[in-house]
Amino acid sequence: METVKILKNIGAFGMPALVFSTAAMAAEGSEAAEIVSTPSSWAIAPIAALLALAFAWYFYKKVMAAPEGTEKMIEIARYVREGAYAYLFRQYSIVSLVFLILLIILGACA
C-alpha cells in the first residue's frame, strides 16, 4: 500500500508538469528563437524510463522474496506456467511465419 501511495503522489505532481510544460513549449514556437537547443523537458522521458526500471526492479525483488504458497498453489502455478509457455510457443510460431512471408514479399519488391 505504501508503494501505491508513492506512485499516486508521483502521478499527481508529474502529470500537471507534463501537461503545462507542453503549453509553454507551444507558445515558444511562435516566437523567433535566438538559440536553437534541445528543450530541457526532453529529459523527462529518459528520467521516467529510469524511474520505471527502478520500480520494476523493486517490485521484482518484492515478488521474488514472497513465499511461493501452499502445495496446491504451487501445483496451480505450474499448470498456469505450462499453459502460458504453450500459448507463447504458438504465438511465436505464427509471428515467425508472418515475418518470413513479409520478408519474402518485401525482398521480392526490393
N, C-alpha and C. Protein backbone atom coordinates (compact mmCIF):
# COMPACT_ATOMS: atom_id res chain seq x y z
N MET A 1 0.82 -1.19 0.00
CA MET A 1 0.00 0.00 0.00
C MET A 1 0.86 1.25 0.00
N GLU A 2 1.98 1.18 0.68
CA GLU A 2 2.87 2.34 0.76
C GLU A 2 3.38 2.72 -0.63
N THR A 3 3.69 1.72 -1.44
CA THR A 3 4.20 1.97 -2.78
C THR A 3 3.12 2.60 -3.66
N VAL A 4 1.88 2.16 -3.48
CA VAL A 4 0.78 2.73 -4.27
C VAL A 4 0.62 4.21 -3.96
N LYS A 5 0.75 4.58 -2.69
CA LYS A 5 0.65 5.99 -2.31
C LYS A 5 1.77 6.80 -2.96
N ILE A 6 2.97 6.24 -2.99
CA ILE A 6 4.10 6.93 -3.61
C ILE A 6 3.84 7.14 -5.10
N LEU A 7 3.33 6.09 -5.77
CA LEU A 7 3.04 6.20 -7.20
C LEU A 7 1.95 7.22 -7.47
N LYS A 8 0.93 7.28 -6.59
CA LYS A 8 -0.13 8.27 -6.76
C LYS A 8 0.43 9.68 -6.60
N ASN A 9 1.33 9.87 -5.65
CA ASN A 9 1.94 11.19 -5.46
C ASN A 9 2.77 11.59 -6.67
N ILE A 10 3.52 10.65 -7.22
CA ILE A 10 4.32 10.95 -8.41
C ILE A 10 3.41 11.34 -9.57
N GLY A 11 2.32 10.59 -9.75
CA GLY A 11 1.37 10.90 -10.81
C GLY A 11 0.68 12.23 -10.58
N ALA A 12 0.36 12.54 -9.33
CA ALA A 12 -0.34 13.79 -9.02
C ALA A 12 0.53 15.00 -9.30
N PHE A 13 1.82 14.88 -9.08
CA PHE A 13 2.70 16.03 -9.30
C PHE A 13 3.36 15.99 -10.68
N GLY A 14 3.56 14.80 -11.23
CA GLY A 14 4.24 14.69 -12.52
C GLY A 14 3.36 15.01 -13.71
N MET A 15 2.10 14.59 -13.67
CA MET A 15 1.21 14.82 -14.80
C MET A 15 0.96 16.30 -15.08
N PRO A 16 0.64 17.11 -14.07
CA PRO A 16 0.46 18.54 -14.36
C PRO A 16 1.73 19.18 -14.94
N ALA A 17 2.88 18.74 -14.48
CA ALA A 17 4.13 19.30 -15.01
C ALA A 17 4.26 18.98 -16.50
N LEU A 18 3.90 17.77 -16.88
CA LEU A 18 3.95 17.40 -18.30
C LEU A 18 2.93 18.17 -19.12
N VAL A 19 1.71 18.28 -18.59
CA VAL A 19 0.63 18.93 -19.33
C VAL A 19 0.91 20.42 -19.50
N PHE A 20 1.30 21.09 -18.43
CA PHE A 20 1.51 22.53 -18.51
C PHE A 20 2.80 22.89 -19.24
N SER A 21 3.78 22.01 -19.23
CA SER A 21 5.02 22.32 -19.96
C SER A 21 4.80 22.27 -21.46
N THR A 22 3.87 21.44 -21.93
CA THR A 22 3.62 21.39 -23.37
C THR A 22 3.00 22.69 -23.87
N ALA A 23 2.14 23.31 -23.06
CA ALA A 23 1.55 24.59 -23.45
C ALA A 23 2.64 25.66 -23.52
N ALA A 24 3.56 25.64 -22.59
CA ALA A 24 4.64 26.62 -22.59
C ALA A 24 5.55 26.41 -23.80
N MET A 25 5.81 25.16 -24.14
CA MET A 25 6.66 24.89 -25.30
C MET A 25 5.97 25.29 -26.59
N ALA A 26 4.66 25.14 -26.66
CA ALA A 26 3.91 25.54 -27.86
C ALA A 26 3.96 27.05 -28.03
N ALA A 27 3.91 27.80 -26.93
CA ALA A 27 3.97 29.25 -27.01
C ALA A 27 5.35 29.71 -27.50
N GLU A 28 6.39 28.98 -27.13
CA GLU A 28 7.73 29.35 -27.57
C GLU A 28 7.89 29.20 -29.07
N GLY A 29 7.15 28.30 -29.69
CA GLY A 29 7.29 28.05 -31.11
C GLY A 29 6.87 29.23 -31.97
N SER A 30 5.98 30.07 -31.47
CA SER A 30 5.51 31.19 -32.26
C SER A 30 6.49 32.36 -32.24
N GLU A 31 7.37 32.39 -31.28
CA GLU A 31 8.36 33.46 -31.20
C GLU A 31 9.63 33.03 -31.91
N ALA A 32 10.39 34.00 -32.37
CA ALA A 32 11.66 33.69 -33.02
C ALA A 32 12.67 33.28 -31.97
N ALA A 33 13.23 32.10 -32.10
CA ALA A 33 14.19 31.61 -31.13
C ALA A 33 15.58 32.12 -31.50
N GLU A 34 16.27 32.67 -30.51
CA GLU A 34 17.62 33.17 -30.76
C GLU A 34 18.62 32.02 -30.79
N ILE A 35 18.48 31.10 -29.85
CA ILE A 35 19.41 29.98 -29.76
C ILE A 35 18.59 28.70 -29.91
N VAL A 36 18.99 27.87 -30.84
CA VAL A 36 18.29 26.60 -31.04
C VAL A 36 18.98 25.56 -30.17
N SER A 37 18.22 25.00 -29.24
CA SER A 37 18.77 23.97 -28.36
C SER A 37 17.67 22.97 -28.03
N THR A 38 18.08 21.89 -27.45
CA THR A 38 17.13 20.87 -27.04
C THR A 38 16.42 21.33 -25.78
N PRO A 39 15.08 21.30 -25.77
CA PRO A 39 14.36 21.72 -24.57
C PRO A 39 14.68 20.80 -23.39
N SER A 40 14.76 21.39 -22.23
CA SER A 40 15.09 20.60 -21.04
C SER A 40 13.98 19.62 -20.69
N SER A 41 12.76 19.87 -21.20
CA SER A 41 11.67 18.95 -20.92
C SER A 41 11.85 17.61 -21.63
N TRP A 42 12.75 17.54 -22.60
CA TRP A 42 13.02 16.28 -23.27
C TRP A 42 13.74 15.30 -22.36
N ALA A 43 14.27 15.76 -21.28
CA ALA A 43 14.93 14.88 -20.33
C ALA A 43 13.92 14.08 -19.51
N ILE A 44 12.65 14.45 -19.61
CA ILE A 44 11.62 13.77 -18.82
C ILE A 44 11.52 12.30 -19.22
N ALA A 45 11.56 11.99 -20.51
CA ALA A 45 11.39 10.61 -20.97
C ALA A 45 12.49 9.68 -20.46
N PRO A 46 13.77 10.03 -20.60
CA PRO A 46 14.79 9.12 -20.07
C PRO A 46 14.73 9.00 -18.55
N ILE A 47 14.42 10.10 -17.88
CA ILE A 47 14.32 10.05 -16.42
C ILE A 47 13.14 9.16 -16.02
N ALA A 48 12.01 9.30 -16.72
CA ALA A 48 10.85 8.47 -16.42
C ALA A 48 11.14 7.00 -16.71
N ALA A 49 11.91 6.73 -17.77
CA ALA A 49 12.27 5.35 -18.10
C ALA A 49 13.14 4.75 -17.01
N LEU A 50 14.11 5.51 -16.53
CA LEU A 50 14.95 5.02 -15.44
C LEU A 50 14.15 4.81 -14.17
N LEU A 51 13.23 5.71 -13.90
CA LEU A 51 12.36 5.57 -12.73
C LEU A 51 11.49 4.32 -12.86
N ALA A 52 10.96 4.07 -14.06
CA ALA A 52 10.15 2.87 -14.29
C ALA A 52 10.98 1.60 -14.10
N LEU A 53 12.22 1.61 -14.58
CA LEU A 53 13.09 0.45 -14.38
C LEU A 53 13.40 0.23 -12.91
N ALA A 54 13.58 1.32 -12.16
CA ALA A 54 13.84 1.19 -10.73
C ALA A 54 12.63 0.59 -10.02
N PHE A 55 11.43 1.05 -10.36
CA PHE A 55 10.23 0.48 -9.75
C PHE A 55 10.05 -0.98 -10.16
N ALA A 56 10.34 -1.32 -11.41
CA ALA A 56 10.22 -2.71 -11.86
C ALA A 56 11.18 -3.60 -11.08
N TRP A 57 12.40 -3.14 -10.88
CA TRP A 57 13.38 -3.90 -10.09
C TRP A 57 12.90 -4.07 -8.66
N TYR A 58 12.36 -3.00 -8.07
CA TYR A 58 11.85 -3.04 -6.70
C TYR A 58 10.72 -4.06 -6.57
N PHE A 59 9.75 -4.02 -7.51
CA PHE A 59 8.63 -4.95 -7.45
C PHE A 59 9.08 -6.38 -7.72
N TYR A 60 10.05 -6.56 -8.61
CA TYR A 60 10.59 -7.89 -8.88
C TYR A 60 11.19 -8.49 -7.62
N LYS A 61 12.01 -7.70 -6.94
CA LYS A 61 12.63 -8.19 -5.71
C LYS A 61 11.58 -8.50 -4.65
N LYS A 62 10.55 -7.68 -4.57
CA LYS A 62 9.49 -7.88 -3.58
C LYS A 62 8.71 -9.16 -3.87
N VAL A 63 8.40 -9.40 -5.15
CA VAL A 63 7.65 -10.61 -5.52
C VAL A 63 8.51 -11.85 -5.32
N MET A 64 9.78 -11.79 -5.70
CA MET A 64 10.64 -12.96 -5.57
C MET A 64 10.92 -13.30 -4.10
N ALA A 65 10.83 -12.32 -3.21
CA ALA A 65 11.06 -12.58 -1.80
C ALA A 65 9.83 -13.16 -1.12
N ALA A 66 8.67 -13.06 -1.75
CA ALA A 66 7.43 -13.57 -1.15
C ALA A 66 7.44 -15.10 -1.19
N PRO A 67 6.78 -15.72 -0.21
CA PRO A 67 6.71 -17.19 -0.22
C PRO A 67 5.89 -17.70 -1.41
N GLU A 68 6.22 -18.91 -1.86
CA GLU A 68 5.55 -19.47 -3.03
C GLU A 68 4.12 -19.87 -2.74
N GLY A 69 3.81 -20.20 -1.53
CA GLY A 69 2.45 -20.59 -1.17
C GLY A 69 2.36 -22.06 -0.81
N THR A 70 1.14 -22.55 -0.75
CA THR A 70 0.91 -23.94 -0.38
C THR A 70 1.22 -24.86 -1.56
N GLU A 71 1.18 -26.18 -1.30
CA GLU A 71 1.42 -27.15 -2.36
C GLU A 71 0.40 -27.01 -3.49
N LYS A 72 -0.85 -26.77 -3.13
CA LYS A 72 -1.91 -26.62 -4.13
C LYS A 72 -1.64 -25.38 -5.00
N MET A 73 -1.20 -24.29 -4.38
CA MET A 73 -0.90 -23.07 -5.12
C MET A 73 0.27 -23.30 -6.08
N ILE A 74 1.27 -24.03 -5.63
CA ILE A 74 2.43 -24.32 -6.47
C ILE A 74 2.02 -25.19 -7.66
N GLU A 75 1.13 -26.16 -7.41
CA GLU A 75 0.64 -27.03 -8.49
C GLU A 75 -0.15 -26.22 -9.52
N ILE A 76 -1.02 -25.34 -9.06
CA ILE A 76 -1.80 -24.50 -9.97
C ILE A 76 -0.87 -23.59 -10.77
N ALA A 77 0.13 -23.03 -10.11
CA ALA A 77 1.09 -22.15 -10.79
C ALA A 77 1.84 -22.91 -11.88
N ARG A 78 2.15 -24.18 -11.62
CA ARG A 78 2.85 -24.99 -12.61
C ARG A 78 1.97 -25.18 -13.86
N TYR A 79 0.67 -25.44 -13.64
CA TYR A 79 -0.24 -25.59 -14.78
C TYR A 79 -0.39 -24.28 -15.55
N VAL A 80 -0.48 -23.19 -14.83
CA VAL A 80 -0.58 -21.88 -15.49
C VAL A 80 0.67 -21.60 -16.32
N ARG A 81 1.82 -21.92 -15.77
CA ARG A 81 3.09 -21.70 -16.48
C ARG A 81 3.16 -22.55 -17.74
N GLU A 82 2.74 -23.83 -17.64
CA GLU A 82 2.73 -24.70 -18.81
C GLU A 82 1.81 -24.15 -19.90
N GLY A 83 0.64 -23.68 -19.50
CA GLY A 83 -0.29 -23.10 -20.47
C GLY A 83 0.26 -21.84 -21.11
N ALA A 84 0.92 -21.03 -20.31
CA ALA A 84 1.50 -19.79 -20.84
C ALA A 84 2.61 -20.10 -21.84
N TYR A 85 3.43 -21.10 -21.53
CA TYR A 85 4.50 -21.46 -22.46
C TYR A 85 3.94 -22.02 -23.76
N ALA A 86 2.86 -22.82 -23.66
CA ALA A 86 2.23 -23.35 -24.87
C ALA A 86 1.67 -22.21 -25.72
N TYR A 87 1.04 -21.25 -25.07
CA TYR A 87 0.48 -20.09 -25.79
C TYR A 87 1.60 -19.29 -26.46
N LEU A 88 2.68 -19.03 -25.73
CA LEU A 88 3.79 -18.26 -26.30
C LEU A 88 4.44 -18.99 -27.47
N PHE A 89 4.57 -20.30 -27.36
CA PHE A 89 5.15 -21.07 -28.47
C PHE A 89 4.28 -20.93 -29.71
N ARG A 90 2.97 -21.00 -29.53
CA ARG A 90 2.04 -20.86 -30.66
C ARG A 90 2.14 -19.45 -31.25
N GLN A 91 2.18 -18.44 -30.39
CA GLN A 91 2.29 -17.05 -30.85
C GLN A 91 3.59 -16.84 -31.63
N TYR A 92 4.69 -17.32 -31.08
CA TYR A 92 5.98 -17.12 -31.75
C TYR A 92 6.03 -17.84 -33.09
N SER A 93 5.42 -19.01 -33.18
CA SER A 93 5.44 -19.73 -34.45
C SER A 93 4.64 -18.97 -35.51
N ILE A 94 3.50 -18.39 -35.12
CA ILE A 94 2.68 -17.62 -36.08
C ILE A 94 3.41 -16.32 -36.46
N VAL A 95 3.98 -15.63 -35.49
CA VAL A 95 4.70 -14.39 -35.78
C VAL A 95 5.90 -14.68 -36.68
N SER A 96 6.58 -15.77 -36.43
CA SER A 96 7.72 -16.13 -37.28
C SER A 96 7.28 -16.41 -38.71
N LEU A 97 6.14 -17.08 -38.86
CA LEU A 97 5.62 -17.36 -40.20
C LEU A 97 5.25 -16.06 -40.92
N VAL A 98 4.57 -15.15 -40.23
CA VAL A 98 4.21 -13.86 -40.83
C VAL A 98 5.47 -13.08 -41.20
N PHE A 99 6.45 -13.09 -40.31
CA PHE A 99 7.71 -12.40 -40.59
C PHE A 99 8.39 -12.97 -41.83
N LEU A 100 8.41 -14.28 -41.94
CA LEU A 100 9.04 -14.92 -43.09
C LEU A 100 8.31 -14.57 -44.38
N ILE A 101 6.98 -14.58 -44.35
CA ILE A 101 6.20 -14.23 -45.55
C ILE A 101 6.46 -12.77 -45.94
N LEU A 102 6.45 -11.87 -44.97
CA LEU A 102 6.72 -10.46 -45.26
C LEU A 102 8.15 -10.26 -45.77
N LEU A 103 9.08 -11.01 -45.22
CA LEU A 103 10.47 -10.92 -45.67
C LEU A 103 10.58 -11.32 -47.14
N ILE A 104 9.89 -12.37 -47.52
CA ILE A 104 9.93 -12.83 -48.91
C ILE A 104 9.26 -11.80 -49.83
N ILE A 105 8.09 -11.30 -49.41
CA ILE A 105 7.37 -10.32 -50.24
C ILE A 105 8.18 -9.04 -50.40
N LEU A 106 8.66 -8.50 -49.29
CA LEU A 106 9.41 -7.24 -49.36
C LEU A 106 10.76 -7.43 -50.05
N GLY A 107 11.36 -8.61 -49.88
CA GLY A 107 12.60 -8.90 -50.59
C GLY A 107 12.40 -8.97 -52.09
N ALA A 108 11.26 -9.51 -52.50
CA ALA A 108 10.96 -9.58 -53.93
C ALA A 108 10.66 -8.19 -54.50
N CYS A 109 10.06 -7.33 -53.70
CA CYS A 109 9.74 -5.96 -54.15
C CYS A 109 10.98 -5.09 -54.24
N ALA A 110 11.99 -5.40 -53.48
CA ALA A 110 13.19 -4.55 -53.45
C ALA A 110 14.05 -4.87 -54.58
